[in-house]
Amino acid sequence: MKMEDKLTYSEAIAELESIMDEMENDNISVDLLSEKVKRASMLIRFCREKLTLTEKEVGEILKDIKPHDDER
């Protein structure tokens, strides 16, 4: 099981915000910068995938509950 399997969207956003705060306040050493940027990239990818999947799932749910033309 990958770590991303346990990660929630809210946790990913919170971690991204934390990384951004560190970068904006120059609190990241040059030695850790590459690692933090890689992590941020992974979190952004995770969030995009989660949003895309959720959008598809919600669309399917709404399609199923929408009245068909012959049911009106």
N, C-alpha and C. Protein backbone atom coordinates (compact mmCIF):
# COMPACT_ATOMS: atom_id res chain seq x y z
N MET A 1 0.84 -1.18 0.00
CA MET A 1 0.00 0.00 0.00
C MET A 1 0.89 1.24 0.00
N LYS A 2 0.64 2.12 -0.95
CA LYS A 2 1.40 3.35 -1.03
C LYS A 2 0.90 4.34 0.01
N MET A 3 1.77 5.27 0.39
CA MET A 3 1.39 6.28 1.35
C MET A 3 0.21 7.11 0.84
N GLU A 4 0.17 7.36 -0.49
CA GLU A 4 -0.91 8.15 -1.06
C GLU A 4 -2.27 7.48 -0.87
N ASP A 5 -2.28 6.14 -0.68
CA ASP A 5 -3.53 5.43 -0.49
C ASP A 5 -4.21 5.84 0.82
N LYS A 6 -3.43 6.27 1.80
CA LYS A 6 -3.97 6.68 3.09
C LYS A 6 -4.20 8.18 3.17
N LEU A 7 -3.66 8.92 2.23
CA LEU A 7 -3.71 10.38 2.24
C LEU A 7 -5.10 10.86 1.84
N THR A 8 -5.62 11.84 2.57
CA THR A 8 -6.88 12.45 2.17
C THR A 8 -6.60 13.74 1.43
N TYR A 9 -7.60 14.23 0.72
CA TYR A 9 -7.47 15.48 0.00
C TYR A 9 -7.16 16.61 0.98
N SER A 10 -7.86 16.65 2.09
CA SER A 10 -7.65 17.71 3.09
C SER A 10 -6.23 17.68 3.65
N GLU A 11 -5.73 16.49 3.90
CA GLU A 11 -4.35 16.37 4.41
C GLU A 11 -3.34 16.84 3.37
N ALA A 12 -3.59 16.49 2.11
CA ALA A 12 -2.68 16.89 1.04
C ALA A 12 -2.66 18.41 0.89
N ILE A 13 -3.83 19.03 0.94
CA ILE A 13 -3.91 20.49 0.83
C ILE A 13 -3.20 21.14 2.01
N ALA A 14 -3.41 20.62 3.21
CA ALA A 14 -2.76 21.18 4.40
C ALA A 14 -1.24 21.07 4.28
N GLU A 15 -0.75 19.94 3.80
CA GLU A 15 0.69 19.78 3.65
C GLU A 15 1.24 20.71 2.57
N LEU A 16 0.50 20.86 1.48
CA LEU A 16 0.91 21.79 0.43
C LEU A 16 1.00 23.22 0.97
N GLU A 17 0.00 23.61 1.75
CA GLU A 17 0.01 24.95 2.34
C GLU A 17 1.20 25.13 3.27
N SER A 18 1.54 24.09 4.01
CA SER A 18 2.69 24.14 4.91
C SER A 18 3.99 24.31 4.12
N ILE A 19 4.13 23.56 3.05
CA ILE A 19 5.32 23.67 2.21
C ILE A 19 5.40 25.07 1.60
N MET A 20 4.28 25.59 1.14
CA MET A 20 4.26 26.94 0.56
C MET A 20 4.66 27.98 1.60
N ASP A 21 4.15 27.84 2.82
CA ASP A 21 4.51 28.77 3.89
C ASP A 21 6.02 28.73 4.15
N GLU A 22 6.56 27.52 4.19
CA GLU A 22 8.00 27.39 4.41
C GLU A 22 8.80 28.07 3.30
N MET A 23 8.34 27.89 2.07
CA MET A 23 9.04 28.48 0.93
C MET A 23 8.92 30.00 0.94
N GLU A 24 7.73 30.49 1.22
CA GLU A 24 7.50 31.93 1.23
C GLU A 24 8.29 32.62 2.33
N ASN A 25 8.50 31.94 3.44
CA ASN A 25 9.21 32.52 4.57
C ASN A 25 10.69 32.14 4.60
N ASP A 26 11.18 31.57 3.49
CA ASP A 26 12.58 31.17 3.39
C ASP A 26 13.01 30.26 4.53
N ASN A 27 12.12 29.36 4.96
CA ASN A 27 12.41 28.44 6.05
C ASN A 27 12.91 27.09 5.57
N ILE A 28 13.17 26.95 4.29
CA ILE A 28 13.65 25.67 3.76
C ILE A 28 15.11 25.85 3.36
N SER A 29 15.93 24.96 3.86
CA SER A 29 17.34 25.01 3.49
C SER A 29 17.49 24.54 2.05
N VAL A 30 18.55 24.95 1.44
CA VAL A 30 18.82 24.55 0.06
C VAL A 30 18.92 23.03 -0.04
N ASP A 31 19.41 22.41 1.01
CA ASP A 31 19.54 20.95 1.02
C ASP A 31 18.19 20.24 0.94
N LEU A 32 17.15 20.86 1.47
CA LEU A 32 15.82 20.23 1.49
C LEU A 32 14.90 20.74 0.39
N LEU A 33 15.29 21.79 -0.30
CA LEU A 33 14.42 22.42 -1.28
C LEU A 33 13.95 21.44 -2.35
N SER A 34 14.86 20.69 -2.93
CA SER A 34 14.50 19.74 -3.99
C SER A 34 13.51 18.70 -3.47
N GLU A 35 13.75 18.21 -2.26
CA GLU A 35 12.86 17.22 -1.66
C GLU A 35 11.45 17.79 -1.45
N LYS A 36 11.39 19.02 -0.97
CA LYS A 36 10.09 19.67 -0.73
C LYS A 36 9.35 19.93 -2.04
N VAL A 37 10.07 20.34 -3.07
CA VAL A 37 9.45 20.59 -4.37
C VAL A 37 8.92 19.29 -4.96
N LYS A 38 9.67 18.21 -4.83
CA LYS A 38 9.19 16.89 -5.31
C LYS A 38 7.93 16.47 -4.57
N ARG A 39 7.93 16.66 -3.25
CA ARG A 39 6.76 16.30 -2.44
C ARG A 39 5.56 17.16 -2.85
N ALA A 40 5.79 18.45 -3.04
CA ALA A 40 4.70 19.34 -3.46
C ALA A 40 4.14 18.91 -4.81
N SER A 41 5.01 18.53 -5.72
CA SER A 41 4.59 18.06 -7.04
C SER A 41 3.71 16.82 -6.91
N MET A 42 4.11 15.88 -6.06
CA MET A 42 3.33 14.66 -5.84
C MET A 42 1.97 15.01 -5.23
N LEU A 43 1.96 15.94 -4.29
CA LEU A 43 0.70 16.32 -3.64
C LEU A 43 -0.24 17.00 -4.63
N ILE A 44 0.29 17.84 -5.48
CA ILE A 44 -0.53 18.51 -6.50
C ILE A 44 -1.13 17.47 -7.45
N ARG A 45 -0.31 16.52 -7.88
CA ARG A 45 -0.79 15.45 -8.77
C ARG A 45 -1.89 14.65 -8.07
N PHE A 46 -1.68 14.31 -6.80
CA PHE A 46 -2.66 13.57 -6.01
C PHE A 46 -3.98 14.34 -5.95
N CYS A 47 -3.91 15.64 -5.65
CA CYS A 47 -5.12 16.46 -5.54
C CYS A 47 -5.86 16.55 -6.87
N ARG A 48 -5.14 16.72 -7.96
CA ARG A 48 -5.78 16.78 -9.28
C ARG A 48 -6.51 15.48 -9.58
N GLU A 49 -5.83 14.35 -9.32
CA GLU A 49 -6.45 13.06 -9.58
C GLU A 49 -7.69 12.85 -8.71
N LYS A 50 -7.59 13.25 -7.45
CA LYS A 50 -8.72 13.11 -6.53
C LYS A 50 -9.90 13.96 -7.00
N LEU A 51 -9.64 15.20 -7.41
CA LEU A 51 -10.71 16.07 -7.90
C LEU A 51 -11.35 15.52 -9.17
N THR A 52 -10.52 15.02 -10.09
CA THR A 52 -11.04 14.45 -11.34
C THR A 52 -11.91 13.23 -11.06
N LEU A 53 -11.44 12.35 -10.20
CA LEU A 53 -12.20 11.15 -9.84
C LEU A 53 -13.51 11.52 -9.16
N THR A 54 -13.45 12.45 -8.24
CA THR A 54 -14.65 12.87 -7.52
C THR A 54 -15.66 13.50 -8.47
N GLU A 55 -15.17 14.32 -9.40
CA GLU A 55 -16.05 14.96 -10.38
C GLU A 55 -16.77 13.90 -11.22
N LYS A 56 -16.03 12.88 -11.65
CA LYS A 56 -16.63 11.80 -12.44
C LYS A 56 -17.67 11.03 -11.62
N GLU A 57 -17.33 10.72 -10.37
CA GLU A 57 -18.25 9.97 -9.51
C GLU A 57 -19.53 10.77 -9.25
N VAL A 58 -19.40 12.04 -8.96
CA VAL A 58 -20.57 12.88 -8.71
C VAL A 58 -21.42 12.99 -9.98
N GLY A 59 -20.75 13.13 -11.12
CA GLY A 59 -21.47 13.18 -12.39
C GLY A 59 -22.29 11.92 -12.63
N GLU A 60 -21.70 10.77 -12.34
CA GLU A 60 -22.41 9.50 -12.50
C GLU A 60 -23.60 9.40 -11.54
N ILE A 61 -23.41 9.83 -10.32
CA ILE A 61 -24.50 9.80 -9.33
C ILE A 61 -25.64 10.69 -9.78
N LEU A 62 -25.30 11.91 -10.22
CA LEU A 62 -26.34 12.85 -10.66
C LEU A 62 -27.04 12.34 -11.91
N LYS A 63 -26.30 11.70 -12.80
CA LYS A 63 -26.90 11.15 -14.01
C LYS A 63 -27.91 10.07 -13.66
N ASP A 64 -27.59 9.27 -12.64
CA ASP A 64 -28.48 8.19 -12.23
C ASP A 64 -29.76 8.70 -11.57
N ILE A 65 -29.71 9.84 -10.91
CA ILE A 65 -30.89 10.34 -10.21
C ILE A 65 -31.69 11.34 -11.04
N LYS A 66 -31.14 11.77 -12.16
CA LYS A 66 -31.84 12.70 -13.04
C LYS A 66 -33.00 11.97 -13.70
N PRO A 67 -34.18 12.58 -13.75
CA PRO A 67 -35.31 11.90 -14.41
C PRO A 67 -35.05 11.75 -15.90
N HIS A 68 -35.39 10.59 -16.41
CA HIS A 68 -35.26 10.34 -17.85
C HIS A 68 -36.40 11.05 -18.56
N ASP A 69 -36.20 11.34 -19.82
CA ASP A 69 -37.24 12.04 -20.61
C ASP A 69 -38.55 11.28 -20.61
N ASP A 70 -38.51 9.94 -20.60
CA ASP A 70 -39.74 9.15 -20.65
C ASP A 70 -40.41 9.04 -19.28
N GLU A 71 -39.76 9.54 -18.21
CA GLU A 71 -40.35 9.47 -16.87
C GLU A 71 -41.07 10.77 -16.52
N ARG A 72 -41.02 11.76 -17.36
CA ARG A 72 -41.65 13.06 -17.05
C ARG A 72 -43.10 13.08 -17.37
